[in-house]
C-alpha atoms as a PDB file:
ATOM      1  CA  MET A   1      -9.317 -91.115  48.583  1.00  0.00           C
ATOM      2  CA  SER A   2     -12.280 -92.225  50.677  1.00  0.00           C
ATOM      3  CA  GLU A   3     -15.799 -90.869  50.588  1.00  0.00           C
ATOM      4  CA  GLN A   4     -15.381 -89.322  54.048  1.00  0.00           C
ATOM      5  CA  GLN A   5     -12.572 -87.020  52.941  1.00  0.00           C
ATOM      6  CA  GLN A   6     -14.075 -84.258  50.837  1.00  0.00           C
ATOM      7  CA  GLN A   7     -11.041 -82.073  50.271  1.00  0.00           C
ATOM      8  CA  TRP A   8      -7.638 -82.850  48.825  1.00  0.00           C
ATOM      9  CA  THR A   9      -4.567 -81.804  50.827  1.00  0.00           C
ATOM     10  CA  SER A  10      -0.873 -81.795  50.023  1.00  0.00           C
ATOM     11  CA  ASP A  11      -0.477 -84.916  52.167  1.00  0.00           C
ATOM     12  CA  HIS A  12      -2.561 -86.823  49.616  1.00  0.00           C
ATOM     13  CA  LEU A  13      -0.433 -85.657  46.716  1.00  0.00           C
ATOM     14  CA  VAL A  14       2.716 -87.422  47.879  1.00  0.00           C
ATOM     15  CA  ARG A  15       1.902 -90.817  46.375  1.00  0.00           C
ATOM     16  CA  GLN A  16       1.841 -91.378  42.621  1.00  0.00           C
ATOM     17  CA  GLU A  17      -1.569 -93.066  42.514  1.00  0.00           C
ATOM     18  CA  TYR A  18      -3.216 -90.198  44.402  1.00  0.00           C
ATOM     19  CA  VAL A  19      -1.636 -87.602  42.107  1.00  0.00           C
ATOM     20  CA  GLN A  20      -2.902 -89.545  39.121  1.00  0.00           C
ATOM     21  CA  LEU A  21      -6.400 -89.806  40.631  1.00  0.00           C
ATOM     22  CA  TYR A  22      -6.439 -86.081  41.440  1.00  0.00           C
ATOM     23  CA  ALA A  23      -5.230 -85.106  37.970  1.00  0.00           C
ATOM     24  CA  ASP A  24      -7.839 -87.376  36.373  1.00  0.00           C
ATOM     25  CA  GLN A  25     -10.603 -85.795  38.457  1.00  0.00           C
ATOM     26  CA  ILE A  26      -9.477 -82.277  37.577  1.00  0.00           C
ATOM     27  CA  ARG A  27      -9.201 -83.098  33.875  1.00  0.00           C
ATOM     28  CA  GLU A  28     -12.642 -84.691  33.798  1.00  0.00           C
ATOM     29  CA  GLU A  29     -14.272 -81.786  35.607  1.00  0.00           C
ATOM     30  CA  TYR A  30     -12.649 -79.005  33.575  1.00  0.00           C
ATOM     31  CA  ARG A  31     -13.071 -80.753  30.223  1.00  0.00           C
ATOM     32  CA  ALA A  32     -16.800 -80.836  30.895  1.00  0.00           C
ATOM     33  CA  GLN A  33     -16.754 -77.173  31.931  1.00  0.00           C
ATOM     34  CA  ALA A  34     -14.787 -76.170  28.825  1.00  0.00           C
ATOM     35  CA  ALA A  35     -17.327 -77.964  26.637  1.00  0.00           C
ATOM     36  CA  ASP A  36     -20.183 -76.211  28.471  1.00  0.00           C
ATOM     37  CA  PHE A  37     -18.534 -72.810  28.062  1.00  0.00           C
ATOM     38  CA  ARG A  38     -18.005 -73.376  24.333  1.00  0.00           C
ATOM     39  CA  ARG A  39     -21.612 -74.537  23.897  1.00  0.00           C
ATOM     40  CA  LEU A  40     -22.929 -71.524  25.808  1.00  0.00           C
ATOM     41  CA  ALA A  41     -20.720 -69.139  23.810  1.00  0.00           C
ATOM     42  CA  ASP A  42     -22.100 -70.545  20.563  1.00  0.00           C
ATOM     43  CA  GLU A  43     -25.693 -70.227  21.825  1.00  0.00           C
ATOM     44  CA  VAL A  44     -25.176 -66.642  23.015  1.00  0.00           C
ATOM     45  CA  ARG A  45     -23.657 -65.688  19.673  1.00  0.00           C
ATOM     46  CA  ARG A  46     -26.500 -67.281  17.711  1.00  0.00           C
ATOM     47  CA  ASP A  47     -29.081 -65.565  19.916  1.00  0.00           C
ATOM     48  CA  ALA A  48     -27.341 -62.207  19.476  1.00  0.00           C
ATOM     49  CA  LEU A  49     -27.353 -62.673  15.698  1.00  0.00           C
ATOM     50  CA  ARG A  50     -31.037 -63.610  15.675  1.00  0.00           C
ATOM     51  CA  ASP A  51     -32.118 -60.786  17.947  1.00  0.00           C
ATOM     52  CA  PRO A  52     -29.858 -57.765  17.290  1.00  0.00           C
ATOM     53  CA  VAL A  53     -29.840 -54.614  19.348  1.00  0.00           C
ATOM     54  CA  GLU A  54     -32.153 -51.994  17.890  1.00  0.00           C
ATOM     55  CA  GLY A  55     -30.323 -49.652  15.525  1.00  0.00           C
ATOM     56  CA  ASP A  56     -27.467 -52.099  14.800  1.00  0.00           C
ATOM     57  CA  ARG A  57     -26.214 -52.442  11.292  1.00  0.00           C
ATOM     58  CA  TRP A  58     -25.392 -55.856   9.869  1.00  0.00           C
ATOM     59  CA  LEU A  59     -21.638 -55.546  10.475  1.00  0.00           C
ATOM     60  CA  HIS A  60     -22.062 -54.325  14.057  1.00  0.00           C
ATOM     61  CA  GLN A  61     -24.559 -57.040  14.817  1.00  0.00           C
ATOM     62  CA  ARG A  62     -22.390 -59.843  13.449  1.00  0.00           C
ATOM     63  CA  TRP A  63     -18.837 -58.898  14.198  1.00  0.00           C
ATOM     64  CA  MET A  64     -19.002 -56.614  17.152  1.00  0.00           C
ATOM     65  CA  HIS A  65     -21.889 -57.256  19.461  1.00  0.00           C
ATOM     66  CA  ALA A  66     -22.430 -60.978  18.938  1.00  0.00           C
ATOM     67  CA  ARG A  67     -18.717 -61.642  19.230  1.00  0.00           C
ATOM     68  CA  GLN A  68     -18.416 -59.309  22.197  1.00  0.00           C
ATOM     69  CA  LEU A  69     -21.161 -61.129  24.076  1.00  0.00           C
ATOM     70  CA  SER A  70     -19.603 -64.580  23.548  1.00  0.00           C
ATOM     71  CA  ARG A  71     -15.978 -63.538  24.121  1.00  0.00           C
ATOM     72  CA  GLY A  72     -16.021 -63.982  27.915  1.00  0.00           C
ATOM     73  CA  LEU A  73     -17.399 -67.505  27.633  1.00  0.00           C
ATOM     74  CA  ARG A  74     -14.782 -68.427  25.039  1.00  0.00           C
ATOM     75  CA  GLN A  75     -12.043 -67.092  27.319  1.00  0.00           C
ATOM     76  CA  MET A  76     -13.437 -69.158  30.172  1.00  0.00           C
ATOM     77  CA  ALA A  77     -13.329 -72.229  27.910  1.00  0.00           C
ATOM     78  CA  ARG A  78      -9.680 -71.526  27.024  1.00  0.00           C
ATOM     79  CA  HIS A  79      -8.791 -71.174  30.684  1.00  0.00           C
ATOM     80  CA  ALA A  80     -10.534 -74.431  31.522  1.00  0.00           C
ATOM     81  CA  GLU A  81      -8.539 -76.144  28.757  1.00  0.00           C
ATOM     82  CA  LEU A  82      -5.339 -74.690  30.213  1.00  0.00           C
ATOM     83  CA  ILE A  83      -6.273 -76.169  33.584  1.00  0.00           C
ATOM     84  CA  VAL A  84      -6.724 -79.560  31.908  1.00  0.00           C
ATOM     85  CA  ALA A  85      -3.221 -79.257  30.423  1.00  0.00           C
ATOM     86  CA  ALA A  86      -1.807 -78.133  33.775  1.00  0.00           C
ATOM     87  CA  ALA A  87      -3.333 -81.175  35.487  1.00  0.00           C
ATOM     88  CA  LYS A  88      -1.522 -83.422  33.021  1.00  0.00           C
ATOM     89  CA  GLN A  89       1.702 -81.487  33.627  1.00  0.00           C
ATOM     90  CA  LEU A  90       1.233 -81.947  37.401  1.00  0.00           C
ATOM     91  CA  GLU A  91       1.173 -85.689  36.884  1.00  0.00           C
ATOM     92  CA  VAL A  92       4.254 -85.627  34.629  1.00  0.00           C
ATOM     93  CA  ASP A  93       6.225 -83.374  36.990  1.00  0.00           C
ATOM     94  CA  HIS A  94       5.348 -85.518  39.988  1.00  0.00           C
ATOM     95  CA  ARG A  95       6.540 -88.639  38.183  1.00  0.00           C
ATOM     96  CA  LYS A  96       9.801 -86.939  37.158  1.00  0.00           C
ATOM     97  CA  VAL A  97      10.588 -85.565  40.613  1.00  0.00           C
ATOM     98  CA  ARG A  98       9.287 -88.290  42.904  1.00  0.00           C
ATOM     99  CA  VAL A  99       9.878 -91.431  40.838  1.00  0.00           C
ATOM    100  CA  GLU A 100      12.468 -90.909  38.110  1.00  0.00           C
ATOM    101  CA  LEU A 101      14.842 -88.514  39.909  1.00  0.00           C
ATOM    102  CA  PRO A 102      15.589 -90.817  42.883  1.00  0.00           C
ATOM    103  CA  ALA A 103      16.112 -93.746  40.497  1.00  0.00           C
ATOM    104  CA  ALA A 104      18.498 -91.695  38.346  1.00  0.00           C
ATOM    105  CA  ARG A 105      20.396 -90.556  41.436  1.00  0.00           C
ATOM    106  CA  ALA A 106      20.720 -94.153  42.629  1.00  0.00           C
ATOM    107  CA  ASP A 107      22.015 -95.204  39.188  1.00  0.00           C
ATOM    108  CA  ARG A 108      24.567 -92.393  39.201  1.00  0.00           C
ATOM    109  CA  ALA A 109      25.688 -93.342  42.722  1.00  0.00           C
ATOM    110  CA  VAL A 110      26.220 -96.957  41.628  1.00  0.00           C
ATOM    111  CA  ALA A 111      28.208 -95.827  38.586  1.00  0.00           C
ATOM    112  CA  ARG A 112      30.259 -93.453  40.745  1.00  0.00           C
ATOM    113  CA  ALA A 113      31.016 -96.241  43.236  1.00  0.00           C
ATOM    114  CA  ARG A 114      31.975 -98.577  40.372  1.00  0.00           C
ATOM    115  CA  ARG A 115      34.385 -95.984  38.933  1.00  0.00           C
ATOM    116  CA  LYS A 116      35.865 -95.390  42.385  1.00  0.00           C
ATOM    117  CA  GLN A 117      36.447 -99.114  42.893  1.00  0.00           C
ATOM    118  CA  GLN A 118      38.021 -99.346  39.452  1.00  0.00           C
ATOM    119  CA  ARG A 119      40.412 -96.467  40.178  1.00  0.00           C
ATOM    120  CA  LEU A 120      41.309 -98.014  43.539  1.00  0.00           C
ATOM    121  CA  ALA A 121      42.025-101.365  41.891  1.00  0.00           C
ATOM    122  CA  GLU A 122      44.233 -99.637  39.277  1.00  0.00           C
ATOM    123  CA  ARG A 123      46.203 -97.839  41.995  1.00  0.00           C
ATOM    124  CA  GLN A 124      46.677-101.062  43.954  1.00  0.00           C
ATOM    125  CA  ALA A 125      47.850-102.847  40.806  1.00  0.00           C
ATOM    126  CA  GLN A 126      50.267 -99.986  40.099  1.00  0.00           C
ATOM    127  CA  LYS A 127      51.686-100.198  43.623  1.00  0.00           C
ATOM    128  CA  ALA A 128      52.033-103.965  43.322  1.00  0.00           C
ATOM    129  CA  LEU A 129      54.032-103.525  40.099  1.00  0.00           C
ATOM    130  CA  GLY A 130      56.213-100.890  41.764  1.00  0.00           C
ATOM    131  CA  GLY A 131      55.395 -98.198  39.236  1.00  0.00           C
ATOM    132  CA  PRO A 132      54.748 -94.538  39.885  1.00  0.00           C
ATOM    133  CA  SER A 133      51.464 -93.719  41.539  1.00  0.00           C
ATOM    134  CA  GLY A 134      49.191 -90.721  41.664  1.00  0.00           C
ATOM    135  CA  VAL A 135      48.392 -88.050  39.110  1.00  0.00           C
ATOM    136  CA  VAL A 136      52.044 -87.220  38.423  1.00  0.00           C
ATOM    137  CA  GLY A 137      52.893 -90.875  37.804  1.00  0.00           C
ATOM    138  CA  ARG A 138      50.005 -91.288  35.364  1.00  0.00           C
ATOM    139  CA  ALA A 139      51.046 -88.106  33.561  1.00  0.00           C
ATOM    140  CA  VAL A 140      54.627 -89.387  33.229  1.00  0.00           C
ATOM    141  CA  GLU A 141      53.370 -92.736  31.926  1.00  0.00           C
ATOM    142  CA  HIS A 142      51.119 -91.007  29.435  1.00  0.00           C
ATOM    143  CA  THR A 143      53.802 -88.721  28.008  1.00  0.00           C
ATOM    144  CA  THR A 144      56.540 -91.349  27.887  1.00  0.00           C
ATOM    145  CA  GLY A 145      54.305 -94.140  26.692  1.00  0.00           C
ATOM    146  CA  THR A 146      55.358 -96.529  29.431  1.00  0.00           C
ATOM    147  CA  GLY A 147      51.956 -97.007  31.030  1.00  0.00           C
ATOM    148  CA  PRO A 148      49.999-100.254  31.226  1.00  0.00           C
ATOM    149  CA  ALA A 149      48.135 -99.428  28.013  1.00  0.00           C
ATOM    150  CA  ALA A 150      51.384 -99.079  26.077  1.00  0.00           C
ATOM    151  CA  GLN A 151      52.821-102.260  27.615  1.00  0.00           C
ATOM    152  CA  ASP A 152      49.723-104.202  26.604  1.00  0.00           C
ATOM    153  CA  GLU A 153      50.101-103.044  23.008  1.00  0.00           C
ATOM    154  CA  GLY A 154      53.798-103.844  22.990  1.00  0.00           C
ATOM    155  CA  GLN A 155      54.770-100.485  21.549  1.00  0.00           C
ATOM    156  CA  GLN A 156      55.716 -97.127  22.903  1.00  0.00           C
ATOM    157  CA  GLN A 157      53.632 -94.100  22.150  1.00  0.00           C
ATOM    158  CA  THR A 158      55.521 -91.092  20.853  1.00  0.00           C
ATOM    159  CA  PRO A 159      54.058 -87.628  20.570  1.00  0.00           C
ATOM    160  CA  ALA A 160      53.952 -86.045  17.126  1.00  0.00           C
ATOM    161  CA  GLN A 161      57.167 -84.144  16.345  1.00  0.00           C
ATOM    162  CA  GLN A 162      55.592 -81.653  13.944  1.00  0.00           C
ATOM    163  CA  PRO A 163      56.416 -77.975  14.687  1.00  0.00           C
ATOM    164  CA  ALA A 164      53.511 -75.677  15.411  1.00  0.00           C
ATOM    165  CA  THR A 165      52.512 -73.244  12.659  1.00  0.00           C
ATOM    166  CA  PRO A 166      52.717 -69.598  13.777  1.00  0.00           C
ATOM    167  CA  PHE A 167      49.358 -67.837  13.860  1.00  0.00           C
ATOM    168  CA  SER A 168      50.473 -65.026  11.541  1.00  0.00           C
ATOM    169  CA  ALA A 169      51.502 -67.534   8.872  1.00  0.00           C
ATOM    170  CA  LEU A 170      47.878 -68.562   8.441  1.00  0.00           C
ATOM    171  CA  PHE A 171      46.969 -65.153   7.002  1.00  0.00           C
ATOM    172  CA  LYS A 172      49.938 -64.473   4.679  1.00  0.00           C
ATOM    173  CA  ASP A 173      48.138 -65.773   1.578  1.00  0.00           C
ATOM    174  CA  ALA A 174      44.980 -63.789   2.332  1.00  0.00           C
ATOM    175  CA  ARG A 175      46.612 -60.424   1.542  1.00  0.00           C
END
């Protein structure tokens, strides 16, 4: 971003290097602010302990009033630290959505096209051999064991001829 442009816009946050620059600037600024807030909170608490409110007892002075005075600054420090974490998450999310997602989609499209070509080549080979084609033909080949996989192995596949056990028979011994 040039010196002439003073304000970031969404148009700047389209490119990865600008998002990274913006996130770095935000992290640097809010880390410094968080450190300042913590330092100020510690100073306010020490001052409140040194100079208690008239009529305070020791417990009130230490745990209630001193802590109460520094609480707002500590909350501001926590919020600044959350902004630092959110700036890092902005960078990560941008990389996932703008860089990695299109690459993953392109990889999936290539794999899908490769599978489609492979299925087309298998169908053309099936038609050339004169065998059954389509889903029904593949199902028949699978159940009978006459498909190209079975022919390559030189053996026919037979389904297991074991009778199914009735469901009620499973619980007879449990009684």
